[in-house]
Amino acid sequence: MALPERKQVEEELLDPTAIHRNYRRQRIKRRAREERARERNLARLRFWLALTAVVATSIGLAIVIWNQIQSLFGL
């Protein structure tokens, strides 16, 4: 038994802008992924800077308080 004849895909049925739209979509996705990675890195940097500032302020305040206690009570 013979196979049924395959229908030829007409070039007019294909969307001529589909390839360009797909490239554009992929570029947008890649740009968004890179932007998310950049924002994540900046957030990580802000966190560590804020944590360092809080720890440094705490240590400085502890030193000032300790000096005041020493001068007040003569330790």
N, C-alpha and C. Protein backbone atom coordinates (compact mmCIF):
# COMPACT_ATOMS: atom_id res chain seq x y z
N MET A 1 0.85 -1.17 0.00
CA MET A 1 0.00 0.00 0.00
C MET A 1 0.90 1.23 0.00
N ALA A 2 0.55 2.15 -0.81
CA ALA A 2 1.35 3.37 -0.96
C ALA A 2 1.05 4.34 0.16
N LEU A 3 2.07 5.12 0.49
CA LEU A 3 1.90 6.15 1.52
C LEU A 3 1.11 7.32 0.93
N PRO A 4 0.35 8.01 1.79
CA PRO A 4 -0.38 9.17 1.28
C PRO A 4 0.60 10.27 0.87
N GLU A 5 0.21 11.01 -0.11
CA GLU A 5 1.08 12.07 -0.62
C GLU A 5 1.23 13.17 0.43
N ARG A 6 2.47 13.61 0.63
CA ARG A 6 2.73 14.68 1.59
C ARG A 6 2.36 16.01 0.95
N LYS A 7 1.75 16.84 1.75
CA LYS A 7 1.40 18.17 1.27
C LYS A 7 2.60 19.08 1.38
N GLN A 8 2.86 19.83 0.38
CA GLN A 8 3.96 20.77 0.38
C GLN A 8 3.58 22.01 1.18
N VAL A 9 4.50 22.46 2.03
CA VAL A 9 4.25 23.67 2.82
C VAL A 9 4.52 24.86 1.92
N GLU A 10 3.54 25.67 1.78
CA GLU A 10 3.71 26.84 0.93
C GLU A 10 4.46 27.92 1.69
N GLU A 11 5.35 28.58 1.00
CA GLU A 11 6.14 29.64 1.61
C GLU A 11 5.26 30.80 2.06
N GLU A 12 4.13 31.00 1.42
CA GLU A 12 3.26 32.12 1.77
C GLU A 12 2.61 31.92 3.13
N LEU A 13 2.51 30.66 3.59
CA LEU A 13 1.87 30.39 4.88
C LEU A 13 2.80 30.70 6.04
N LEU A 14 4.10 30.71 5.81
CA LEU A 14 5.04 31.00 6.88
C LEU A 14 5.08 32.50 7.15
N ASP A 15 5.19 32.83 8.41
CA ASP A 15 5.25 34.24 8.80
C ASP A 15 6.68 34.75 8.57
N PRO A 16 6.86 35.72 7.70
CA PRO A 16 8.22 36.19 7.41
C PRO A 16 8.87 36.93 8.58
N THR A 17 8.10 37.42 9.51
CA THR A 17 8.68 38.15 10.64
C THR A 17 8.84 37.28 11.89
N ALA A 18 8.51 35.99 11.79
CA ALA A 18 8.56 35.12 12.96
C ALA A 18 9.98 34.99 13.49
N ILE A 19 10.95 34.87 12.61
CA ILE A 19 12.34 34.71 13.04
C ILE A 19 12.81 35.96 13.77
N HIS A 20 12.53 37.12 13.19
CA HIS A 20 12.96 38.37 13.80
C HIS A 20 12.26 38.60 15.15
N ARG A 21 10.99 38.24 15.23
CA ARG A 21 10.28 38.38 16.51
C ARG A 21 10.87 37.45 17.56
N ASN A 22 11.23 36.24 17.16
CA ASN A 22 11.82 35.29 18.10
C ASN A 22 13.18 35.79 18.58
N TYR A 23 14.01 36.31 17.66
CA TYR A 23 15.29 36.88 18.07
C TYR A 23 15.09 38.03 19.04
N ARG A 24 14.14 38.89 18.74
CA ARG A 24 13.86 40.05 19.60
C ARG A 24 13.40 39.59 20.98
N ARG A 25 12.51 38.58 20.99
CA ARG A 25 12.01 38.06 22.26
C ARG A 25 13.16 37.46 23.09
N GLN A 26 14.05 36.73 22.44
CA GLN A 26 15.19 36.14 23.14
C GLN A 26 16.14 37.21 23.66
N ARG A 27 16.34 38.27 22.87
CA ARG A 27 17.19 39.38 23.34
C ARG A 27 16.58 40.05 24.56
N ILE A 28 15.27 40.24 24.54
CA ILE A 28 14.58 40.86 25.68
C ILE A 28 14.70 39.97 26.92
N LYS A 29 14.52 38.66 26.73
CA LYS A 29 14.64 37.74 27.87
C LYS A 29 16.06 37.75 28.42
N ARG A 30 17.06 37.76 27.53
CA ARG A 30 18.45 37.78 27.98
C ARG A 30 18.76 39.07 28.72
N ARG A 31 18.26 40.20 28.19
CA ARG A 31 18.48 41.49 28.83
C ARG A 31 17.82 41.52 30.21
N ALA A 32 16.63 40.97 30.33
CA ALA A 32 15.94 40.92 31.63
C ALA A 32 16.70 40.03 32.61
N ARG A 33 17.22 38.90 32.11
CA ARG A 33 17.99 38.00 32.98
C ARG A 33 19.26 38.69 33.47
N GLU A 34 19.94 39.41 32.58
CA GLU A 34 21.14 40.14 32.98
C GLU A 34 20.81 41.26 33.96
N GLU A 35 19.68 41.93 33.75
CA GLU A 35 19.27 43.00 34.65
C GLU A 35 18.95 42.45 36.04
N ARG A 36 18.28 41.29 36.09
CA ARG A 36 18.00 40.67 37.40
C ARG A 36 19.29 40.29 38.10
N ALA A 37 20.26 39.76 37.37
CA ALA A 37 21.54 39.39 37.98
C ALA A 37 22.25 40.64 38.49
N ARG A 38 22.21 41.72 37.72
CA ARG A 38 22.85 42.98 38.14
C ARG A 38 22.17 43.52 39.39
N GLU A 39 20.84 43.50 39.43
CA GLU A 39 20.10 43.98 40.60
C GLU A 39 20.39 43.12 41.82
N ARG A 40 20.50 41.81 41.61
CA ARG A 40 20.81 40.91 42.72
C ARG A 40 22.19 41.21 43.29
N ASN A 41 23.16 41.45 42.42
CA ASN A 41 24.51 41.80 42.89
C ASN A 41 24.52 43.13 43.63
N LEU A 42 23.78 44.11 43.12
CA LEU A 42 23.71 45.40 43.81
C LEU A 42 23.03 45.27 45.17
N ALA A 43 21.99 44.45 45.25
CA ALA A 43 21.31 44.24 46.53
C ALA A 43 22.25 43.57 47.53
N ARG A 44 23.03 42.60 47.04
CA ARG A 44 24.00 41.93 47.91
C ARG A 44 25.02 42.93 48.43
N LEU A 45 25.51 43.81 47.56
CA LEU A 45 26.48 44.83 47.96
C LEU A 45 25.88 45.80 48.97
N ARG A 46 24.64 46.25 48.72
CA ARG A 46 23.98 47.16 49.67
C ARG A 46 23.81 46.50 51.03
N PHE A 47 23.46 45.22 51.05
CA PHE A 47 23.29 44.50 52.32
C PHE A 47 24.59 44.50 53.10
N TRP A 48 25.69 44.10 52.45
CA TRP A 48 26.96 44.02 53.17
C TRP A 48 27.45 45.40 53.60
N LEU A 49 27.22 46.43 52.79
CA LEU A 49 27.60 47.78 53.21
C LEU A 49 26.79 48.23 54.42
N ALA A 50 25.49 47.97 54.41
CA ALA A 50 24.65 48.35 55.54
C ALA A 50 25.05 47.57 56.79
N LEU A 51 25.32 46.28 56.63
CA LEU A 51 25.73 45.47 57.78
C LEU A 51 27.06 45.97 58.34
N THR A 52 28.00 46.29 57.47
CA THR A 52 29.30 46.81 57.92
C THR A 52 29.12 48.14 58.65
N ALA A 53 28.25 49.01 58.13
CA ALA A 53 28.02 50.29 58.78
C ALA A 53 27.40 50.10 60.16
N VAL A 54 26.46 49.19 60.29
CA VAL A 54 25.81 48.94 61.58
C VAL A 54 26.81 48.36 62.58
N VAL A 55 27.63 47.41 62.14
CA VAL A 55 28.61 46.81 63.04
C VAL A 55 29.65 47.84 63.46
N ALA A 56 30.14 48.65 62.50
CA ALA A 56 31.14 49.67 62.83
C ALA A 56 30.57 50.70 63.80
N THR A 57 29.32 51.11 63.57
CA THR A 57 28.68 52.06 64.47
C THR A 57 28.51 51.46 65.87
N SER A 58 28.14 50.21 65.92
CA SER A 58 27.97 49.54 67.21
C SER A 58 29.29 49.45 67.96
N ILE A 59 30.35 49.10 67.26
CA ILE A 59 31.66 49.01 67.91
C ILE A 59 32.12 50.39 68.38
N GLY A 60 31.94 51.40 67.53
CA GLY A 60 32.31 52.76 67.93
C GLY A 60 31.53 53.24 69.14
N LEU A 61 30.24 52.98 69.14
CA LEU A 61 29.39 53.37 70.27
C LEU A 61 29.79 52.63 71.54
N ALA A 62 30.13 51.35 71.41
CA ALA A 62 30.56 50.56 72.57
C ALA A 62 31.85 51.13 73.15
N ILE A 63 32.76 51.54 72.27
CA ILE A 63 34.02 52.13 72.75
C ILE A 63 33.77 53.44 73.48
N VAL A 64 32.92 54.29 72.91
CA VAL A 64 32.61 55.58 73.55
C VAL A 64 31.93 55.35 74.89
N ILE A 65 30.98 54.43 74.93
CA ILE A 65 30.29 54.14 76.19
C ILE A 65 31.26 53.59 77.22
N TRP A 66 32.15 52.69 76.81
CA TRP A 66 33.12 52.13 77.74
C TRP A 66 34.05 53.21 78.30
N ASN A 67 34.49 54.14 77.43
CA ASN A 67 35.33 55.23 77.90
C ASN A 67 34.58 56.13 78.88
N GLN A 68 33.31 56.38 78.63
CA GLN A 68 32.51 57.20 79.54
C GLN A 68 32.33 56.50 80.88
N ILE A 69 32.11 55.21 80.85
CA ILE A 69 31.97 54.45 82.10
C ILE A 69 33.28 54.48 82.88
N GLN A 70 34.40 54.30 82.19
CA GLN A 70 35.69 54.33 82.87
C GLN A 70 35.96 55.70 83.50
N SER A 71 35.66 56.75 82.77
CA SER A 71 35.93 58.08 83.33
C SER A 71 34.94 58.44 84.44
N LEU A 72 33.72 57.93 84.37
CA LEU A 72 32.71 58.25 85.36
C LEU A 72 32.95 57.48 86.66
N PHE A 73 33.26 56.20 86.57
CA PHE A 73 33.44 55.39 87.76
C PHE A 73 34.88 55.15 88.14
N GLY A 74 35.81 55.61 87.35
CA GLY A 74 37.24 55.48 87.65
C GLY A 74 37.72 54.05 87.62
N LEU A 75 37.28 53.29 86.64
CA LEU A 75 37.72 51.88 86.53
C LEU A 75 39.08 51.78 85.95
